[in-house]
Amino acid sequence: MENIIKIALAILFFLCLLDMPYAYFQLVRFAALIGFVVLAYKANQQSRQTEMLIFGALALLFQPFFKIALGRDLWNIVDVIVGVGLLVSLMKNSKK
């Protein structure tokens, strides 16, 4: 389940680089909030405190209720970093 969430979120973040309508970005924010909360909960259950804090912080960053205005270019950088980070954590966890 965690792997599916990570892959789905990474794909959503990479698609943010394309010229998408504003509603897509709203969808990504809701999906990211839910996905990162689930990942933080799972990490907490498995006593992975560092991952729990990272996923919790990402849930706060992407949450759609109190928007953080970073500008399109900076958000694109954040999307790429988070997407790559999710894929790296996916490969790291699969090696274990």
C-alpha atoms as a PDB file:
ATOM      1  CA  MET A   1       0.000   0.000   0.000  1.00  0.00           C
ATOM      2  CA  GLU A   2       2.804   2.427   0.885  1.00  0.00           C
ATOM      3  CA  ASN A   3       4.524   1.735  -2.427  1.00  0.00           C
ATOM      4  CA  ILE A   4       1.362   2.474  -4.397  1.00  0.00           C
ATOM      5  CA  ILE A   5       0.875   5.766  -2.555  1.00  0.00           C
ATOM      6  CA  LYS A   6       4.483   6.799  -3.162  1.00  0.00           C
ATOM      7  CA  ILE A   7       4.329   5.964  -6.880  1.00  0.00           C
ATOM      8  CA  ALA A   8       0.973   7.688  -7.338  1.00  0.00           C
ATOM      9  CA  LEU A   9       2.115  10.836  -5.546  1.00  0.00           C
ATOM     10  CA  ALA A  10       5.383  10.936  -7.493  1.00  0.00           C
ATOM     11  CA  ILE A  11       3.467  10.703 -10.785  1.00  0.00           C
ATOM     12  CA  LEU A  12       1.081  13.451  -9.673  1.00  0.00           C
ATOM     13  CA  PHE A  13       3.997  15.705  -8.727  1.00  0.00           C
ATOM     14  CA  PHE A  14       5.810  15.135 -12.018  1.00  0.00           C
ATOM     15  CA  LEU A  15       2.609  15.901 -13.938  1.00  0.00           C
ATOM     16  CA  CYS A  16       2.534  19.264 -12.147  1.00  0.00           C
ATOM     17  CA  LEU A  17       5.396  20.301 -14.417  1.00  0.00           C
ATOM     18  CA  LEU A  18       3.012  20.293 -17.373  1.00  0.00           C
ATOM     19  CA  ASP A  19       0.599  23.098 -18.172  1.00  0.00           C
ATOM     20  CA  MET A  20      -2.385  21.829 -16.184  1.00  0.00           C
ATOM     21  CA  PRO A  21      -5.599  23.600 -15.139  1.00  0.00           C
ATOM     22  CA  TYR A  22      -5.748  25.002 -11.609  1.00  0.00           C
ATOM     23  CA  ALA A  23      -8.213  22.293 -10.545  1.00  0.00           C
ATOM     24  CA  TYR A  24      -5.493  19.687 -11.115  1.00  0.00           C
ATOM     25  CA  PHE A  25      -3.223  21.411  -8.601  1.00  0.00           C
ATOM     26  CA  GLN A  26      -6.073  21.462  -6.080  1.00  0.00           C
ATOM     27  CA  LEU A  27      -6.551  17.728  -6.629  1.00  0.00           C
ATOM     28  CA  VAL A  28      -2.829  17.154  -6.118  1.00  0.00           C
ATOM     29  CA  ARG A  29      -2.907  19.109  -2.854  1.00  0.00           C
ATOM     30  CA  PHE A  30      -5.790  17.006  -1.490  1.00  0.00           C
ATOM     31  CA  ALA A  31      -4.206  13.756  -2.685  1.00  0.00           C
ATOM     32  CA  ALA A  32      -0.838  14.765  -1.205  1.00  0.00           C
ATOM     33  CA  LEU A  33      -2.419  15.629   2.137  1.00  0.00           C
ATOM     34  CA  ILE A  34      -4.192  12.288   2.358  1.00  0.00           C
ATOM     35  CA  GLY A  35      -1.239  10.314   1.013  1.00  0.00           C
ATOM     36  CA  PHE A  36       1.332  11.910   3.302  1.00  0.00           C
ATOM     37  CA  VAL A  37      -0.910  11.533   6.357  1.00  0.00           C
ATOM     38  CA  VAL A  38      -1.289   7.822   5.591  1.00  0.00           C
ATOM     39  CA  LEU A  39       2.464   7.455   5.035  1.00  0.00           C
ATOM     40  CA  ALA A  40       3.195   9.320   8.284  1.00  0.00           C
ATOM     41  CA  TYR A  41       0.756   7.075  10.168  1.00  0.00           C
ATOM     42  CA  LYS A  42       2.326   3.915   8.718  1.00  0.00           C
ATOM     43  CA  ALA A  43       5.835   5.183   9.536  1.00  0.00           C
ATOM     44  CA  ASN A  44       4.742   5.921  13.103  1.00  0.00           C
ATOM     45  CA  GLN A  45       3.325   2.410  13.454  1.00  0.00           C
ATOM     46  CA  GLN A  46       6.653   0.979  12.338  1.00  0.00           C
ATOM     47  CA  SER A  47       8.621   3.277  14.710  1.00  0.00           C
ATOM     48  CA  ARG A  48      10.287   5.167  11.864  1.00  0.00           C
ATOM     49  CA  GLN A  49      10.181   8.568  13.520  1.00  0.00           C
ATOM     50  CA  THR A  50      12.303  10.427  10.961  1.00  0.00           C
ATOM     51  CA  GLU A  51      10.078   9.330   8.088  1.00  0.00           C
ATOM     52  CA  MET A  52       6.997  10.170  10.130  1.00  0.00           C
ATOM     53  CA  LEU A  53       8.249  13.734  10.671  1.00  0.00           C
ATOM     54  CA  ILE A  54       9.155  14.162   7.001  1.00  0.00           C
ATOM     55  CA  PHE A  55       5.786  12.892   5.773  1.00  0.00           C
ATOM     56  CA  GLY A  56       3.993  14.997   8.385  1.00  0.00           C
ATOM     57  CA  ALA A  57       5.856  18.111   7.271  1.00  0.00           C
ATOM     58  CA  LEU A  58       5.055  17.342   3.622  1.00  0.00           C
ATOM     59  CA  ALA A  59       1.372  16.916   4.535  1.00  0.00           C
ATOM     60  CA  LEU A  60       1.456  20.397   6.073  1.00  0.00           C
ATOM     61  CA  LEU A  61       3.294  21.856   3.085  1.00  0.00           C
ATOM     62  CA  PHE A  62       0.840  20.492   0.519  1.00  0.00           C
ATOM     63  CA  GLN A  63      -2.373  20.846   2.539  1.00  0.00           C
ATOM     64  CA  PRO A  64      -5.025  22.781   0.576  1.00  0.00           C
ATOM     65  CA  PHE A  65      -6.630  24.795   3.381  1.00  0.00           C
ATOM     66  CA  PHE A  66      -3.956  27.389   4.193  1.00  0.00           C
ATOM     67  CA  LYS A  67      -2.062  27.716   0.951  1.00  0.00           C
ATOM     68  CA  ILE A  68       1.626  28.493   0.929  1.00  0.00           C
ATOM     69  CA  ALA A  69       2.351  30.849  -1.975  1.00  0.00           C
ATOM     70  CA  LEU A  70       5.745  29.895  -3.388  1.00  0.00           C
ATOM     71  CA  GLY A  71       5.213  30.803  -7.027  1.00  0.00           C
ATOM     72  CA  ARG A  72       5.022  28.446  -9.982  1.00  0.00           C
ATOM     73  CA  ASP A  73       8.785  28.033 -10.484  1.00  0.00           C
ATOM     74  CA  LEU A  74       9.513  27.265  -6.844  1.00  0.00           C
ATOM     75  CA  TRP A  75       6.582  24.859  -6.610  1.00  0.00           C
ATOM     76  CA  ASN A  76       7.941  23.030  -9.673  1.00  0.00           C
ATOM     77  CA  ILE A  77      11.277  22.617  -7.904  1.00  0.00           C
ATOM     78  CA  VAL A  78       9.524  21.372  -4.752  1.00  0.00           C
ATOM     79  CA  ASP A  79       7.411  18.946  -6.814  1.00  0.00           C
ATOM     80  CA  VAL A  80      10.490  17.474  -8.491  1.00  0.00           C
ATOM     81  CA  ILE A  81      12.436  17.168  -5.220  1.00  0.00           C
ATOM     82  CA  VAL A  82       9.519  15.505  -3.429  1.00  0.00           C
ATOM     83  CA  GLY A  83       8.756  13.219  -6.396  1.00  0.00           C
ATOM     84  CA  VAL A  84      12.374  12.093  -6.645  1.00  0.00           C
ATOM     85  CA  GLY A  85      12.527  11.694  -2.860  1.00  0.00           C
ATOM     86  CA  LEU A  86       9.475   9.444  -2.925  1.00  0.00           C
ATOM     87  CA  LEU A  87      10.995   7.266  -5.644  1.00  0.00           C
ATOM     88  CA  VAL A  88      14.318   7.083  -3.785  1.00  0.00           C
ATOM     89  CA  SER A  89      12.556   6.055  -0.564  1.00  0.00           C
ATOM     90  CA  LEU A  90      10.642   3.465  -2.561  1.00  0.00           C
ATOM     91  CA  MET A  91      13.887   1.938  -3.881  1.00  0.00           C
ATOM     92  CA  LYS A  92      15.537   2.197  -0.460  1.00  0.00           C
ATOM     93  CA  ASN A  93      12.674   0.341   1.226  1.00  0.00           C
ATOM     94  CA  SER A  94      12.552  -2.325  -1.502  1.00  0.00           C
ATOM     95  CA  LYS A  95      16.232  -3.168  -0.900  1.00  0.00           C
ATOM     96  CA  LYS A  96      15.522  -3.916   2.771  1.00  0.00           C
END
